[in-house]
């Protein structure tokens, strides 16, 4: 068997329907769209969610909850994520971004106490939980709070 002798299996390839190519093709004149009506026109489709004039589902269902416009976003980092760094390393925003722990800087960086750490590190964050601070200090490390426009963040 040679590569030029290979061909697809019978019935696996089907020719594309070519519409609007004259009466001899069987798909001429109206091009399989029928006569008149919305679906025969170009762009003639109802918008997504339209149910023929019936009250649509998204309007029949009740609204739930609300969006808090004063919500403050936090970028969460757990203690177990810091185990990959060298002992006694200084971890600021740049170091965390290079490691892939911080993708954007839109929100505050908050350190939570999930997991354990086996060596000391010095980390700079905007917020820290009590459990995380206790674990870092128990390992011999230090937590520094980043100063921003409003002064130091409360713990």
Protein backbone atom coordinates (compact mmCIF):
# COMPACT_ATOMS: atom_id res chain seq x y z
CA UNK A 1 0.00 0.00 0.00
CA UNK A 2 1.30 3.43 -0.97
CA UNK A 3 0.28 6.81 0.38
CA UNK A 4 -1.18 7.87 -2.98
CA UNK A 5 -3.44 4.81 -2.94
CA UNK A 6 -5.11 5.78 0.36
CA UNK A 7 -8.68 7.09 0.21
CA UNK A 8 -11.38 7.77 2.79
CA UNK A 9 -13.88 5.04 3.63
CA UNK A 10 -16.98 4.83 1.43
CA UNK A 11 -19.75 7.11 2.73
CA UNK A 12 -17.51 9.07 5.11
CA UNK A 13 -17.25 12.09 2.79
CA UNK A 14 -20.37 13.86 1.56
CA UNK A 15 -20.57 16.69 -0.97
CA UNK A 16 -21.72 20.09 0.25
CA UNK A 17 -25.25 21.16 -0.82
CA UNK A 18 -24.75 23.92 -3.42
CA UNK A 19 -27.89 26.03 -3.47
CA UNK A 20 -28.85 28.71 -5.98
CA UNK A 21 -27.13 27.07 -8.96
CA UNK A 22 -30.06 26.84 -11.38
CA UNK A 23 -33.08 24.57 -11.87
CA UNK A 24 -31.02 21.57 -12.98
CA UNK A 25 -29.38 21.26 -9.56
CA UNK A 26 -32.67 20.65 -7.75
CA UNK A 27 -31.76 23.49 -5.36
CA UNK A 28 -32.37 26.47 -7.63
CA UNK A 29 -34.86 29.38 -7.59
CA UNK A 30 -35.94 29.51 -3.91
CA UNK A 31 -32.83 27.64 -2.77
CA UNK A 32 -34.69 25.21 -0.46
CA UNK A 33 -36.25 28.08 1.53
CA UNK A 34 -39.82 27.81 0.24
CA UNK A 35 -41.97 30.77 -0.85
CA UNK A 36 -42.29 34.03 1.09
CA UNK A 37 -42.30 34.28 4.89
CA UNK A 38 -39.72 35.30 7.45
CA UNK A 39 -37.45 32.28 6.98
CA UNK A 40 -37.17 32.81 3.25
CA UNK A 41 -35.60 36.28 3.63
CA UNK A 42 -31.93 36.95 4.18
CA UNK A 43 -31.25 37.51 7.88
CA UNK A 44 -34.76 36.26 8.51
CA UNK A 45 -34.51 34.54 11.85
CA UNK A 46 -36.09 35.59 15.15
CA UNK A 47 -33.67 36.82 17.79
CA UNK A 48 -32.31 34.32 20.34
CA UNK A 49 -34.85 33.73 23.12
CA UNK A 50 -37.85 34.76 20.98
CA UNK A 51 -40.75 32.34 21.50
CA UNK A 52 -43.18 33.48 18.82
CA UNK A 53 -44.77 36.24 20.90
CA UNK A 54 -45.31 34.02 23.94
CA UNK A 55 -43.87 35.49 27.15
CA UNK A 56 -40.25 34.28 26.99
CA UNK A 57 -38.73 32.11 29.71
CA UNK A 58 -36.25 34.74 30.91
CA UNK A 59 -39.17 37.10 31.60
CA UNK A 60 -41.38 34.45 33.22
CA UNK A 61 -38.80 33.48 35.84
CA UNK A 62 -38.44 35.64 38.97
CA UNK A 63 -35.31 37.69 39.55
CA UNK A 64 -33.02 36.50 42.35
CA UNK A 65 -30.41 38.25 44.46
CA UNK A 66 -28.61 41.46 43.71
CA UNK A 67 -25.19 42.73 42.69
CA UNK A 68 -23.28 44.57 45.38
CA UNK A 69 -21.64 47.53 43.63
CA UNK A 70 -19.35 48.12 46.63
CA UNK A 71 -17.91 44.59 46.55
CA UNK A 72 -14.16 44.49 47.10
CA UNK A 73 -12.37 41.77 45.16
CA UNK A 74 -9.62 39.78 46.84
CA UNK A 75 -6.95 37.64 45.24
CA UNK A 76 -6.72 34.58 47.51
CA UNK A 77 -3.40 32.90 48.34
CA UNK A 78 -3.18 29.98 50.77
CA UNK A 79 -0.25 29.02 52.99
CA UNK A 80 0.26 25.77 51.06
CA UNK A 81 1.00 27.83 47.90
CA UNK A 82 4.07 29.39 49.59
CA UNK A 83 5.87 26.06 50.14
CA UNK A 84 7.35 26.20 46.63
CA UNK A 85 9.53 29.23 47.46
CA UNK A 86 13.04 29.11 48.93
CA UNK A 87 13.41 29.48 52.71
CA UNK A 88 13.73 33.10 53.94
CA UNK A 89 12.72 34.51 50.53
CA UNK A 90 11.08 37.93 50.28
CA UNK A 91 7.69 37.56 48.62
CA UNK A 92 6.25 40.80 47.30
CA UNK A 93 3.65 41.31 44.57
CA UNK A 94 6.23 40.90 41.78
CA UNK A 95 7.53 37.59 43.16
CA UNK A 96 3.98 36.27 43.52
CA UNK A 97 3.15 37.36 39.95
CA UNK A 98 6.26 35.64 38.52
CA UNK A 99 5.28 32.43 40.33
CA UNK A 100 1.79 32.62 38.79
CA UNK A 101 -0.07 33.03 42.09
CA UNK A 102 -1.28 36.54 41.20
CA UNK A 103 -2.71 37.05 37.71
CA UNK A 104 -4.01 40.63 38.02
CA UNK A 105 -3.63 43.39 40.58
CA UNK A 106 -7.22 44.67 40.50
CA UNK A 107 -7.99 43.53 44.04
CA UNK A 108 -6.21 43.21 47.35
CA UNK A 109 -4.04 40.16 47.96
CA UNK A 110 -5.27 38.17 50.97
CA UNK A 111 -3.32 35.37 52.64
CA UNK A 112 -5.45 32.56 54.09
CA UNK A 113 -4.43 29.72 56.39
CA UNK A 114 -5.16 26.72 54.15
CA UNK A 115 -2.41 24.10 54.41
CA UNK A 116 0.96 24.23 56.16
CA UNK A 117 4.39 25.68 55.52
CA UNK A 118 7.63 23.99 56.54
CA UNK A 119 10.10 26.89 56.28
CA UNK A 120 10.13 30.63 57.04
CA UNK A 121 9.23 33.25 54.40
CA UNK A 122 8.74 37.01 54.49
CA UNK A 123 5.57 37.95 52.62
CA UNK A 124 3.97 41.32 51.80
CA UNK A 125 0.17 41.25 51.40
CA UNK A 126 -2.78 43.63 51.72
CA UNK A 127 -4.78 41.39 54.08
CA UNK A 128 -4.07 38.32 56.18
CA UNK A 129 -6.20 35.98 58.29
CA UNK A 130 -5.30 35.29 61.93
CA UNK A 131 -4.67 31.60 61.19
CA UNK A 132 -2.31 32.43 58.31
CA UNK A 133 -0.36 34.94 60.38
CA UNK A 134 0.00 32.39 63.21
CA UNK A 135 1.27 29.65 60.84
CA UNK A 136 3.81 31.94 59.13
CA UNK A 137 5.15 33.21 62.46
CA UNK A 138 5.24 29.68 63.91
CA UNK A 139 7.48 28.63 60.98
CA UNK A 140 9.79 31.57 61.77
CA UNK A 141 8.58 33.84 58.97
CA UNK A 142 7.12 37.33 58.92
CA UNK A 143 3.98 38.92 57.45
CA UNK A 144 4.25 42.55 56.31
CA UNK A 145 1.20 44.61 55.44
CA UNK A 146 1.41 46.66 52.24
CA UNK A 147 0.71 50.33 52.86
CA UNK A 148 -1.76 51.89 50.43
CA UNK A 149 -3.47 55.29 50.00
CA UNK A 150 -5.78 54.69 52.96
CA UNK A 151 -2.97 53.75 55.33
CA UNK A 152 -2.34 50.29 56.72
CA UNK A 153 -5.08 47.67 56.32
CA UNK A 154 -6.70 46.30 59.44
CA UNK A 155 -5.84 42.68 60.23
